[in-house]
Amino acid sequence: MQSELSRPTTPISDSPIYPSLLISALISQQGWCKVFFNRSPPVKGVKSMSSDLPSLIGKLVKEAIDHPELYNSKNLHSLVMEGVERVLIEKALEHTGGNKRKAAQVLGINRNTLSNKIKKYQLKTEK
């Protein structure tokens, strides 16, 4: 089980918005997003989310293509990746009650990496 947790199920690595606003909007508007982000326990949710992630990313890319005036196409890849990463971190922290060690384990990243990303995205964590 431990080895499963340490390996990310999706190649989202080191990869916040403007697309994070879009992702949040999609999550709140799409029932299927709510279902897979709110599954319990979080590890199962993250694993099943990995199969739904391409669909979510597809919606983001379609939105950017349909509304190019809202996005700089030269930065589309990094905007989408950072947006997805930010939401994943927020949800992992939410599901673990702000426990960084558990959130890092669920995400398959090092705790120090998680702490750096929390600072990068200026996320608030529960104490």
C-alpha atoms as a PDB file:
ATOM      1  CA  MET A   1       0.000   0.000   0.000  1.00  0.00           C
ATOM      2  CA  GLN A   2       2.797   2.412   0.886  1.00  0.00           C
ATOM      3  CA  SER A   3       4.424   1.954  -2.510  1.00  0.00           C
ATOM      4  CA  GLU A   4       1.113   2.723  -4.222  1.00  0.00           C
ATOM      5  CA  LEU A   5       0.858   5.993  -2.309  1.00  0.00           C
ATOM      6  CA  SER A   6       4.373   7.102  -3.179  1.00  0.00           C
ATOM      7  CA  ARG A   7       3.814   6.777  -6.933  1.00  0.00           C
ATOM      8  CA  PRO A   8       1.695   9.435  -8.633  1.00  0.00           C
ATOM      9  CA  THR A   9      -1.087   7.900 -10.713  1.00  0.00           C
ATOM     10  CA  THR A  10      -0.956  10.720 -13.249  1.00  0.00           C
ATOM     11  CA  PRO A  11       2.114  12.434 -14.742  1.00  0.00           C
ATOM     12  CA  ILE A  12       1.361  15.742 -13.035  1.00  0.00           C
ATOM     13  CA  SER A  13       4.673  16.824 -11.661  1.00  0.00           C
ATOM     14  CA  ASP A  14       6.068  20.173 -10.790  1.00  0.00           C
ATOM     15  CA  SER A  15       3.905  21.416 -13.177  1.00  0.00           C
ATOM     16  CA  PRO A  16      -2.617  28.672 -10.405  1.00  0.00           C
ATOM     17  CA  ILE A  17      -5.051  31.410 -12.220  1.00  0.00           C
ATOM     18  CA  TYR A  18      -6.311  32.061 -13.831  1.00  0.00           C
ATOM     19  CA  PRO A  19      -6.939  28.378 -14.783  1.00  0.00           C
ATOM     20  CA  SER A  20      -7.317  27.560 -11.116  1.00  0.00           C
ATOM     21  CA  LEU A  21     -10.374  29.806 -11.177  1.00  0.00           C
ATOM     22  CA  LEU A  22     -11.623  27.923 -14.220  1.00  0.00           C
ATOM     23  CA  ILE A  23     -10.932  24.573 -12.564  1.00  0.00           C
ATOM     24  CA  SER A  24     -12.752  25.679  -9.421  1.00  0.00           C
ATOM     25  CA  ALA A  25     -15.682  26.827 -11.541  1.00  0.00           C
ATOM     26  CA  LEU A  26     -15.762  23.491 -13.364  1.00  0.00           C
ATOM     27  CA  ILE A  27     -15.643  21.630 -10.069  1.00  0.00           C
ATOM     28  CA  SER A  28     -18.535  23.614  -8.657  1.00  0.00           C
ATOM     29  CA  GLN A  29     -20.591  23.368 -11.865  1.00  0.00           C
ATOM     30  CA  GLN A  30     -19.981  19.751 -12.796  1.00  0.00           C
ATOM     31  CA  GLY A  31     -21.642  17.140 -10.608  1.00  0.00           C
ATOM     32  CA  TRP A  32     -19.163  14.457 -11.625  1.00  0.00           C
ATOM     33  CA  CYS A  33     -16.310  16.674 -10.434  1.00  0.00           C
ATOM     34  CA  LYS A  34     -17.931  17.034  -7.022  1.00  0.00           C
ATOM     35  CA  VAL A  35     -18.372  13.289  -6.790  1.00  0.00           C
ATOM     36  CA  PHE A  36     -14.774  12.309  -7.500  1.00  0.00           C
ATOM     37  CA  PHE A  37     -13.207  15.130  -5.473  1.00  0.00           C
ATOM     38  CA  ASN A  38     -15.360  14.362  -2.434  1.00  0.00           C
ATOM     39  CA  ARG A  39     -14.941  10.580  -2.304  1.00  0.00           C
ATOM     40  CA  SER A  40     -13.764   9.039   0.917  1.00  0.00           C
ATOM     41  CA  PRO A  41     -11.161   7.911   1.761  1.00  0.00           C
ATOM     42  CA  PRO A  42      -9.084  10.480  -0.123  1.00  0.00           C
ATOM     43  CA  VAL A  43      -6.608   7.958  -1.541  1.00  0.00           C
ATOM     44  CA  LYS A  44      -9.373   6.180  -3.452  1.00  0.00           C
ATOM     45  CA  GLY A  45     -10.666   9.541  -4.651  1.00  0.00           C
ATOM     46  CA  VAL A  46      -7.263  10.547  -5.941  1.00  0.00           C
ATOM     47  CA  LYS A  47      -6.772   7.240  -7.733  1.00  0.00           C
ATOM     48  CA  SER A  48     -10.176   7.378  -9.392  1.00  0.00           C
ATOM     49  CA  MET A  49      -9.723  11.068 -10.094  1.00  0.00           C
ATOM     50  CA  SER A  50      -6.671  10.232 -12.196  1.00  0.00           C
ATOM     51  CA  SER A  51      -8.913   8.535 -14.751  1.00  0.00           C
ATOM     52  CA  ASP A  52     -11.249  11.564 -14.851  1.00  0.00           C
ATOM     53  CA  LEU A  53      -8.431  14.107 -15.007  1.00  0.00           C
ATOM     54  CA  PRO A  54      -8.001  13.960 -18.803  1.00  0.00           C
ATOM     55  CA  SER A  55     -11.649  14.938 -19.190  1.00  0.00           C
ATOM     56  CA  LEU A  56     -11.192  17.899 -16.847  1.00  0.00           C
ATOM     57  CA  ILE A  57      -8.049  19.011 -18.656  1.00  0.00           C
ATOM     58  CA  GLY A  58      -9.870  18.617 -21.969  1.00  0.00           C
ATOM     59  CA  LYS A  59     -12.563  20.992 -20.735  1.00  0.00           C
ATOM     60  CA  LEU A  60      -9.887  23.503 -19.705  1.00  0.00           C
ATOM     61  CA  VAL A  61      -8.160  23.359 -23.074  1.00  0.00           C
ATOM     62  CA  LYS A  62     -11.482  23.656 -24.927  1.00  0.00           C
ATOM     63  CA  GLU A  63     -12.352  26.714 -22.819  1.00  0.00           C
ATOM     64  CA  ALA A  64      -8.984  28.292 -23.642  1.00  0.00           C
ATOM     65  CA  ILE A  65      -9.417  27.547 -27.353  1.00  0.00           C
ATOM     66  CA  ASP A  66     -13.000  28.832 -27.406  1.00  0.00           C
ATOM     67  CA  HIS A  67     -11.986  32.017 -25.566  1.00  0.00           C
ATOM     68  CA  PRO A  68      -8.392  32.800 -26.620  1.00  0.00           C
ATOM     69  CA  GLU A  69      -8.787  36.412 -25.535  1.00  0.00           C
ATOM     70  CA  LEU A  70      -8.841  35.217 -21.924  1.00  0.00           C
ATOM     71  CA  TYR A  71      -5.613  33.233 -22.126  1.00  0.00           C
ATOM     72  CA  ASN A  72      -2.111  33.697 -23.441  1.00  0.00           C
ATOM     73  CA  SER A  73      -1.765  30.639 -25.674  1.00  0.00           C
ATOM     74  CA  LYS A  74       2.015  30.681 -25.231  1.00  0.00           C
ATOM     75  CA  ASN A  75       1.477  29.977 -21.540  1.00  0.00           C
ATOM     76  CA  LEU A  76      -1.505  27.643 -21.865  1.00  0.00           C
ATOM     77  CA  HIS A  77       0.399  24.501 -20.877  1.00  0.00           C
ATOM     78  CA  SER A  78       1.886  25.979 -17.720  1.00  0.00           C
ATOM     79  CA  LEU A  79      -1.374  27.718 -16.788  1.00  0.00           C
ATOM     80  CA  VAL A  80      -3.348  24.485 -17.057  1.00  0.00           C
ATOM     81  CA  MET A  81      -0.702  22.446 -15.234  1.00  0.00           C
ATOM     82  CA  GLU A  82      -0.402  24.958 -12.409  1.00  0.00           C
ATOM     83  CA  GLY A  83      -4.163  25.304 -12.161  1.00  0.00           C
ATOM     84  CA  VAL A  84      -4.664  21.563 -11.883  1.00  0.00           C
ATOM     85  CA  GLU A  85      -1.798  21.224  -9.419  1.00  0.00           C
ATOM     86  CA  ARG A  86      -3.126  23.996  -7.190  1.00  0.00           C
ATOM     87  CA  VAL A  87      -6.590  22.428  -7.032  1.00  0.00           C
ATOM     88  CA  LEU A  88      -5.137  18.969  -6.338  1.00  0.00           C
ATOM     89  CA  ILE A  89      -3.087  20.367  -3.459  1.00  0.00           C
ATOM     90  CA  GLU A  90      -6.047  22.318  -2.062  1.00  0.00           C
ATOM     91  CA  LYS A  91      -8.282  19.244  -2.194  1.00  0.00           C
ATOM     92  CA  ALA A  92      -5.624  16.954  -0.695  1.00  0.00           C
ATOM     93  CA  LEU A  93      -5.127  19.387   2.195  1.00  0.00           C
ATOM     94  CA  GLU A  94      -8.875  19.695   2.645  1.00  0.00           C
ATOM     95  CA  HIS A  95      -9.346  15.909   2.732  1.00  0.00           C
ATOM     96  CA  THR A  96      -6.498  15.439   5.226  1.00  0.00           C
ATOM     97  CA  GLY A  97      -7.601  18.240   7.539  1.00  0.00           C
ATOM     98  CA  GLY A  98      -4.524  20.278   6.648  1.00  0.00           C
ATOM     99  CA  ASN A  99      -2.102  17.476   7.528  1.00  0.00           C
ATOM    100  CA  LYS A 100       0.806  18.129   5.151  1.00  0.00           C
ATOM    101  CA  ARG A 101       2.429  14.735   5.672  1.00  0.00           C
ATOM    102  CA  LYS A 102      -0.775  12.885   4.758  1.00  0.00           C
ATOM    103  CA  ALA A 103      -1.544  15.263   1.882  1.00  0.00           C
ATOM    104  CA  ALA A 104       1.953  14.753   0.454  1.00  0.00           C
ATOM    105  CA  GLN A 105       1.501  10.989   0.757  1.00  0.00           C
ATOM    106  CA  VAL A 106      -1.856  11.107  -1.047  1.00  0.00           C
ATOM    107  CA  LEU A 107      -0.350  13.248  -3.818  1.00  0.00           C
ATOM    108  CA  GLY A 108       2.747  11.055  -4.111  1.00  0.00           C
ATOM    109  CA  ILE A 109       5.167  13.918  -3.490  1.00  0.00           C
ATOM    110  CA  ASN A 110       7.710  14.746  -0.799  1.00  0.00           C
ATOM    111  CA  ARG A 111       6.466  16.795   2.172  1.00  0.00           C
ATOM    112  CA  ASN A 112       9.084  19.494   1.492  1.00  0.00           C
ATOM    113  CA  THR A 113       7.921  19.696  -2.120  1.00  0.00           C
ATOM    114  CA  LEU A 114       4.356  20.124  -0.891  1.00  0.00           C
ATOM    115  CA  SER A 115       5.435  22.879   1.515  1.00  0.00           C
ATOM    116  CA  ASN A 116       7.211  24.695  -1.324  1.00  0.00           C
ATOM    117  CA  LYS A 117       4.130  24.455  -3.532  1.00  0.00           C
ATOM    118  CA  ILE A 118       1.901  25.711  -0.702  1.00  0.00           C
ATOM    119  CA  LYS A 119       4.165  28.772  -0.491  1.00  0.00           C
ATOM    120  CA  LYS A 120       4.283  29.152  -4.293  1.00  0.00           C
ATOM    121  CA  TYR A 121       0.497  29.178  -4.571  1.00  0.00           C
ATOM    122  CA  GLN A 122       0.048  31.103  -1.298  1.00  0.00           C
ATOM    123  CA  LEU A 123      -2.348  28.480   0.024  1.00  0.00           C
ATOM    124  CA  LYS A 124      -3.679  28.699   3.547  1.00  0.00           C
ATOM    125  CA  THR A 125      -3.339  25.579   5.659  1.00  0.00           C
ATOM    126  CA  GLU A 126      -5.109  24.627   8.854  1.00  0.00           C
ATOM    127  CA  LYS A 127      -2.859  24.583  11.894  1.00  0.00           C
END
